[in-house]
Amino acid sequence: MKRDMNLVRAVLLEVEKLPHDYGFHDIEVEGYAPEEVTYHVRLLHEARLIEAIDLSTMSGVSWKSKRLTYQGHEFLDAARSDTVWEKAKSLVVATTGALTLEGVKAALPEVVKKLIGQ
């Protein structure tokens, strides 16, 4: 399965909405299959942007989200604006030829600095 950076952002936005009840929750993102969402929940857990748990069974893969980490909050706050998000993605692709999470993490502050300086 391919990583979808727009889904990464959408999952983070959904995790931010979760209640602070110490429980693990399913995430749904309109336009995406549950398998795509659970895969991205796992990726975000591995990237340490969210806390999640693997509740997979023999009948299917299931990762459930608990909360954003501090790093997740920082990333999401930088990526919240649609304008900043799109400019950061474009900058990363134009500079490196590939869209990576680390590239977007590095580009977001640069885009914000440019927008503030305008």
N, C-alpha and C. Protein backbone atom coordinates (compact mmCIF):
# COMPACT_ATOMS: atom_id res chain seq x y z
N MET A 1 0.85 -1.17 0.00
CA MET A 1 0.00 0.00 0.00
C MET A 1 0.90 1.24 0.00
N LYS A 2 0.51 2.24 -0.76
CA LYS A 2 1.28 3.48 -0.83
C LYS A 2 0.89 4.43 0.30
N ARG A 3 1.88 5.16 0.75
CA ARG A 3 1.62 6.19 1.75
C ARG A 3 1.00 7.40 1.04
N ASP A 4 0.00 7.97 1.64
CA ASP A 4 -0.72 9.12 1.09
C ASP A 4 -0.56 10.26 2.10
N MET A 5 0.21 11.28 1.75
CA MET A 5 0.48 12.36 2.69
C MET A 5 -0.77 13.14 3.05
N ASN A 6 -1.73 13.23 2.14
CA ASN A 6 -2.99 13.90 2.48
C ASN A 6 -3.77 13.09 3.52
N LEU A 7 -3.69 11.77 3.42
CA LEU A 7 -4.33 10.92 4.41
C LEU A 7 -3.60 11.01 5.75
N VAL A 8 -2.29 11.15 5.72
CA VAL A 8 -1.51 11.35 6.95
C VAL A 8 -2.07 12.55 7.70
N ARG A 9 -2.21 13.65 7.00
CA ARG A 9 -2.73 14.88 7.62
C ARG A 9 -4.16 14.69 8.10
N ALA A 10 -4.99 14.05 7.28
CA ALA A 10 -6.39 13.83 7.65
C ALA A 10 -6.51 12.96 8.90
N VAL A 11 -5.69 11.93 9.00
CA VAL A 11 -5.72 11.07 10.19
C VAL A 11 -5.32 11.87 11.43
N LEU A 12 -4.29 12.68 11.30
CA LEU A 12 -3.87 13.50 12.44
C LEU A 12 -5.00 14.44 12.88
N LEU A 13 -5.71 15.02 11.93
CA LEU A 13 -6.83 15.90 12.26
C LEU A 13 -7.93 15.13 12.99
N GLU A 14 -8.17 13.89 12.58
CA GLU A 14 -9.20 13.07 13.24
C GLU A 14 -8.76 12.63 14.63
N VAL A 15 -7.50 12.27 14.77
CA VAL A 15 -7.00 11.85 16.09
C VAL A 15 -7.09 13.03 17.06
N GLU A 16 -6.84 14.22 16.59
CA GLU A 16 -6.93 15.40 17.45
C GLU A 16 -8.34 15.57 18.03
N LYS A 17 -9.35 15.11 17.32
CA LYS A 17 -10.74 15.24 17.76
C LYS A 17 -11.15 14.19 18.80
N LEU A 18 -10.33 13.18 19.01
CA LEU A 18 -10.69 12.10 19.92
C LEU A 18 -10.83 12.59 21.35
N PRO A 19 -11.71 11.96 22.12
CA PRO A 19 -11.84 12.33 23.52
C PRO A 19 -10.58 11.91 24.28
N HIS A 20 -10.29 12.65 25.32
CA HIS A 20 -9.13 12.33 26.17
C HIS A 20 -9.60 11.37 27.26
N ASP A 21 -9.87 10.13 26.85
CA ASP A 21 -10.42 9.14 27.78
C ASP A 21 -9.52 7.93 27.96
N TYR A 22 -8.30 8.01 27.46
CA TYR A 22 -7.30 6.95 27.56
C TYR A 22 -7.70 5.68 26.79
N GLY A 23 -8.74 5.78 25.97
CA GLY A 23 -9.16 4.65 25.16
C GLY A 23 -8.53 4.70 23.78
N PHE A 24 -8.65 3.60 23.08
CA PHE A 24 -8.19 3.50 21.70
C PHE A 24 -9.42 3.52 20.80
N HIS A 25 -9.33 4.27 19.70
CA HIS A 25 -10.50 4.53 18.87
C HIS A 25 -10.24 4.26 17.40
N ASP A 26 -11.29 3.83 16.71
CA ASP A 26 -11.24 3.74 15.26
C ASP A 26 -11.27 5.14 14.68
N ILE A 27 -10.59 5.30 13.57
CA ILE A 27 -10.58 6.57 12.85
C ILE A 27 -11.23 6.32 11.49
N GLU A 28 -12.11 7.21 11.09
CA GLU A 28 -12.71 7.16 9.76
C GLU A 28 -12.37 8.45 9.04
N VAL A 29 -12.00 8.33 7.77
CA VAL A 29 -11.71 9.50 6.95
C VAL A 29 -12.50 9.33 5.66
N GLU A 30 -13.36 10.30 5.40
CA GLU A 30 -14.22 10.24 4.22
C GLU A 30 -13.39 10.11 2.95
N GLY A 31 -13.80 9.20 2.10
CA GLY A 31 -13.12 8.98 0.83
C GLY A 31 -12.01 7.94 0.87
N TYR A 32 -11.76 7.38 2.05
CA TYR A 32 -10.70 6.38 2.21
C TYR A 32 -11.26 5.11 2.81
N ALA A 33 -10.78 3.97 2.34
CA ALA A 33 -11.20 2.66 2.86
C ALA A 33 -10.61 2.46 4.26
N PRO A 34 -11.30 1.70 5.10
CA PRO A 34 -10.78 1.43 6.45
C PRO A 34 -9.37 0.84 6.44
N GLU A 35 -9.05 0.02 5.45
CA GLU A 35 -7.71 -0.58 5.36
C GLU A 35 -6.65 0.49 5.13
N GLU A 36 -6.96 1.49 4.32
CA GLU A 36 -6.01 2.58 4.07
C GLU A 36 -5.80 3.40 5.35
N VAL A 37 -6.88 3.66 6.05
CA VAL A 37 -6.79 4.46 7.27
C VAL A 37 -5.99 3.73 8.34
N THR A 38 -6.29 2.44 8.56
CA THR A 38 -5.57 1.69 9.60
C THR A 38 -4.08 1.58 9.25
N TYR A 39 -3.75 1.46 7.97
CA TYR A 39 -2.35 1.42 7.55
C TYR A 39 -1.65 2.73 7.91
N HIS A 40 -2.33 3.85 7.69
CA HIS A 40 -1.74 5.15 7.99
C HIS A 40 -1.68 5.42 9.50
N VAL A 41 -2.63 4.88 10.25
CA VAL A 41 -2.55 4.96 11.70
C VAL A 41 -1.27 4.26 12.16
N ARG A 42 -1.01 3.09 11.59
CA ARG A 42 0.22 2.37 11.94
C ARG A 42 1.47 3.17 11.58
N LEU A 43 1.48 3.76 10.38
CA LEU A 43 2.63 4.56 9.97
C LEU A 43 2.86 5.74 10.90
N LEU A 44 1.78 6.40 11.29
CA LEU A 44 1.90 7.55 12.18
C LEU A 44 2.36 7.13 13.57
N HIS A 45 1.97 5.96 14.00
CA HIS A 45 2.47 5.42 15.27
C HIS A 45 3.97 5.16 15.15
N GLU A 46 4.38 4.55 14.05
CA GLU A 46 5.81 4.27 13.84
C GLU A 46 6.63 5.56 13.75
N ALA A 47 6.02 6.61 13.21
CA ALA A 47 6.69 7.91 13.09
C ALA A 47 6.63 8.70 14.40
N ARG A 48 5.97 8.15 15.41
CA ARG A 48 5.84 8.75 16.73
C ARG A 48 5.05 10.06 16.72
N LEU A 49 4.09 10.15 15.79
CA LEU A 49 3.21 11.31 15.77
C LEU A 49 1.91 11.04 16.52
N ILE A 50 1.57 9.76 16.69
CA ILE A 50 0.40 9.38 17.48
C ILE A 50 0.75 8.16 18.32
N GLU A 51 -0.05 7.96 19.37
CA GLU A 51 -0.02 6.70 20.11
C GLU A 51 -1.15 5.86 19.55
N ALA A 52 -0.84 4.62 19.23
CA ALA A 52 -1.84 3.70 18.70
C ALA A 52 -1.50 2.30 19.16
N ILE A 53 -2.44 1.39 18.95
CA ILE A 53 -2.24 0.01 19.37
C ILE A 53 -2.65 -0.91 18.23
N ASP A 54 -1.92 -2.00 18.10
CA ASP A 54 -2.21 -3.02 17.10
C ASP A 54 -3.19 -4.02 17.69
N LEU A 55 -4.42 -4.00 17.20
CA LEU A 55 -5.44 -4.95 17.64
C LEU A 55 -5.81 -5.90 16.50
N SER A 56 -4.85 -6.16 15.65
CA SER A 56 -5.07 -7.07 14.52
C SER A 56 -5.33 -8.48 15.00
N THR A 57 -6.13 -9.19 14.22
CA THR A 57 -6.43 -10.59 14.50
C THR A 57 -6.22 -11.39 13.22
N MET A 58 -6.48 -12.66 13.28
CA MET A 58 -6.37 -13.51 12.09
C MET A 58 -7.36 -13.07 11.01
N SER A 59 -8.40 -12.36 11.40
CA SER A 59 -9.41 -11.96 10.42
C SER A 59 -9.14 -10.58 9.81
N GLY A 60 -8.12 -9.87 10.29
CA GLY A 60 -7.81 -8.59 9.67
C GLY A 60 -6.91 -7.70 10.50
N VAL A 61 -6.36 -6.71 9.81
CA VAL A 61 -5.47 -5.75 10.43
C VAL A 61 -6.31 -4.64 11.04
N SER A 62 -5.95 -4.23 12.26
CA SER A 62 -6.69 -3.17 12.94
C SER A 62 -5.76 -2.41 13.88
N TRP A 63 -5.48 -1.17 13.53
CA TRP A 63 -4.72 -0.27 14.40
C TRP A 63 -5.68 0.80 14.89
N LYS A 64 -5.70 1.03 16.19
CA LYS A 64 -6.60 2.03 16.79
C LYS A 64 -5.77 3.13 17.44
N SER A 65 -6.25 4.35 17.31
CA SER A 65 -5.54 5.53 17.79
C SER A 65 -5.96 5.89 19.20
N LYS A 66 -5.01 6.47 19.92
CA LYS A 66 -5.29 6.94 21.28
C LYS A 66 -5.19 8.46 21.36
N ARG A 67 -4.06 9.00 20.90
CA ARG A 67 -3.85 10.44 21.02
C ARG A 67 -2.68 10.89 20.15
N LEU A 68 -2.59 12.20 19.95
CA LEU A 68 -1.43 12.78 19.32
C LEU A 68 -0.30 12.84 20.33
N THR A 69 0.91 12.64 19.89
CA THR A 69 2.08 12.88 20.74
C THR A 69 2.41 14.36 20.66
N TYR A 70 3.39 14.79 21.43
CA TYR A 70 3.83 16.18 21.34
C TYR A 70 4.30 16.48 19.91
N GLN A 71 5.08 15.57 19.34
CA GLN A 71 5.55 15.75 17.96
C GLN A 71 4.37 15.81 16.99
N GLY A 72 3.35 15.02 17.26
CA GLY A 72 2.16 15.03 16.42
C GLY A 72 1.44 16.36 16.47
N HIS A 73 1.33 16.92 17.68
CA HIS A 73 0.72 18.25 17.83
C HIS A 73 1.53 19.30 17.07
N GLU A 74 2.84 19.25 17.22
CA GLU A 74 3.70 20.22 16.53
C GLU A 74 3.55 20.11 15.01
N PHE A 75 3.58 18.89 14.50
CA PHE A 75 3.44 18.69 13.06
C PHE A 75 2.08 19.18 12.58
N LEU A 76 1.03 18.79 13.28
CA LEU A 76 -0.33 19.17 12.86
C LEU A 76 -0.53 20.67 12.93
N ASP A 77 -0.04 21.32 13.96
CA ASP A 77 -0.19 22.77 14.04
C ASP A 77 0.51 23.46 12.86
N ALA A 78 1.66 22.95 12.47
CA ALA A 78 2.36 23.52 11.31
C ALA A 78 1.63 23.22 10.00
N ALA A 79 0.96 22.07 9.94
CA ALA A 79 0.31 21.62 8.70
C ALA A 79 -1.17 21.94 8.62
N ARG A 80 -1.72 22.59 9.62
CA ARG A 80 -3.16 22.79 9.70
C ARG A 80 -3.70 23.63 8.54
N SER A 81 -3.02 24.68 8.18
CA SER A 81 -3.46 25.56 7.09
C SER A 81 -3.35 24.84 5.74
N ASP A 82 -4.42 24.85 4.97
CA ASP A 82 -4.39 24.25 3.63
C ASP A 82 -3.31 24.90 2.77
N THR A 83 -3.18 26.22 2.87
CA THR A 83 -2.19 26.94 2.07
C THR A 83 -0.78 26.50 2.42
N VAL A 84 -0.47 26.46 3.70
CA VAL A 84 0.87 26.05 4.15
C VAL A 84 1.12 24.60 3.75
N TRP A 85 0.14 23.74 3.93
CA TRP A 85 0.28 22.32 3.60
C TRP A 85 0.62 22.14 2.12
N GLU A 86 -0.15 22.78 1.26
CA GLU A 86 0.08 22.62 -0.19
C GLU A 86 1.43 23.19 -0.61
N LYS A 87 1.80 24.33 -0.06
CA LYS A 87 3.09 24.92 -0.41
C LYS A 87 4.25 24.05 0.08
N ALA A 88 4.12 23.48 1.27
CA ALA A 88 5.17 22.62 1.80
C ALA A 88 5.33 21.37 0.93
N LYS A 89 4.21 20.76 0.56
CA LYS A 89 4.30 19.57 -0.30
C LYS A 89 4.96 19.91 -1.63
N SER A 90 4.55 21.03 -2.22
CA SER A 90 5.13 21.45 -3.51
C SER A 90 6.62 21.72 -3.39
N LEU A 91 7.02 22.36 -2.29
CA LEU A 91 8.44 22.65 -2.07
C LEU A 91 9.25 21.37 -1.97
N VAL A 92 8.74 20.40 -1.24
CA VAL A 92 9.47 19.13 -1.07
C VAL A 92 9.61 18.40 -2.40
N VAL A 93 8.53 18.31 -3.15
CA VAL A 93 8.58 17.61 -4.44
C VAL A 93 9.50 18.34 -5.41
N ALA A 94 9.42 19.67 -5.46
CA ALA A 94 10.26 20.44 -6.37
C ALA A 94 11.74 20.32 -6.00
N THR A 95 12.02 20.21 -4.72
CA THR A 95 13.41 20.17 -4.25
C THR A 95 14.00 18.76 -4.32
N THR A 96 13.21 17.77 -3.92
CA THR A 96 13.76 16.41 -3.81
C THR A 96 13.22 15.43 -4.84
N GLY A 97 12.10 15.76 -5.46
CA GLY A 97 11.50 14.84 -6.42
C GLY A 97 10.61 13.78 -5.78
N ALA A 98 10.53 13.79 -4.46
CA ALA A 98 9.71 12.81 -3.74
C ALA A 98 9.04 13.50 -2.55
N LEU A 99 7.89 12.98 -2.18
CA LEU A 99 7.16 13.54 -1.05
C LEU A 99 7.33 12.61 0.15
N THR A 100 8.14 13.06 1.12
CA THR A 100 8.38 12.25 2.32
C THR A 100 7.91 13.00 3.56
N LEU A 101 7.65 12.26 4.61
CA LEU A 101 7.24 12.87 5.86
C LEU A 101 8.34 13.76 6.42
N GLU A 102 9.56 13.28 6.40
CA GLU A 102 10.68 14.09 6.90
C GLU A 102 10.87 15.34 6.06
N GLY A 103 10.67 15.23 4.76
CA GLY A 103 10.77 16.40 3.90
C GLY A 103 9.71 17.44 4.22
N VAL A 104 8.48 16.97 4.43
CA VAL A 104 7.39 17.89 4.77
C VAL A 104 7.65 18.51 6.14
N LYS A 105 8.14 17.71 7.09
CA LYS A 105 8.47 18.25 8.42
C LYS A 105 9.49 19.39 8.30
N ALA A 106 10.47 19.23 7.43
CA ALA A 106 11.49 20.26 7.25
C ALA A 106 10.94 21.46 6.49
N ALA A 107 10.06 21.23 5.54
CA ALA A 107 9.54 22.32 4.70
C ALA A 107 8.51 23.19 5.40
N LEU A 108 7.72 22.61 6.30
CA LEU A 108 6.65 23.38 6.94
C LEU A 108 7.16 24.65 7.62
N PRO A 109 8.21 24.59 8.46
CA PRO A 109 8.68 25.84 9.08
C PRO A 109 9.19 26.86 8.07
N GLU A 110 9.81 26.37 6.99
CA GLU A 110 10.31 27.28 5.97
C GLU A 110 9.16 28.00 5.26
N VAL A 111 8.10 27.29 4.97
CA VAL A 111 6.94 27.89 4.33
C VAL A 111 6.31 28.92 5.27
N VAL A 112 6.20 28.59 6.53
CA VAL A 112 5.61 29.52 7.51
C VAL A 112 6.48 30.79 7.59
N LYS A 113 7.80 30.64 7.64
CA LYS A 113 8.70 31.80 7.69
C LYS A 113 8.50 32.70 6.47
N LYS A 114 8.40 32.09 5.29
CA LYS A 114 8.20 32.87 4.06
C LYS A 114 6.88 33.61 4.09
N LEU A 115 5.82 32.95 4.56
CA LEU A 115 4.51 33.59 4.62
C LEU A 115 4.49 34.73 5.64
N ILE A 116 5.18 34.54 6.75
CA ILE A 116 5.24 35.60 7.77
C ILE A 116 6.03 36.80 7.25
N GLY A 117 7.08 36.52 6.48
CA GLY A 117 7.92 37.59 5.95
C GLY A 117 7.30 38.39 4.82
N GLN A 118 6.19 37.92 4.28
CA GLN A 118 5.55 38.62 3.15
C GLN A 118 4.81 39.85 3.60
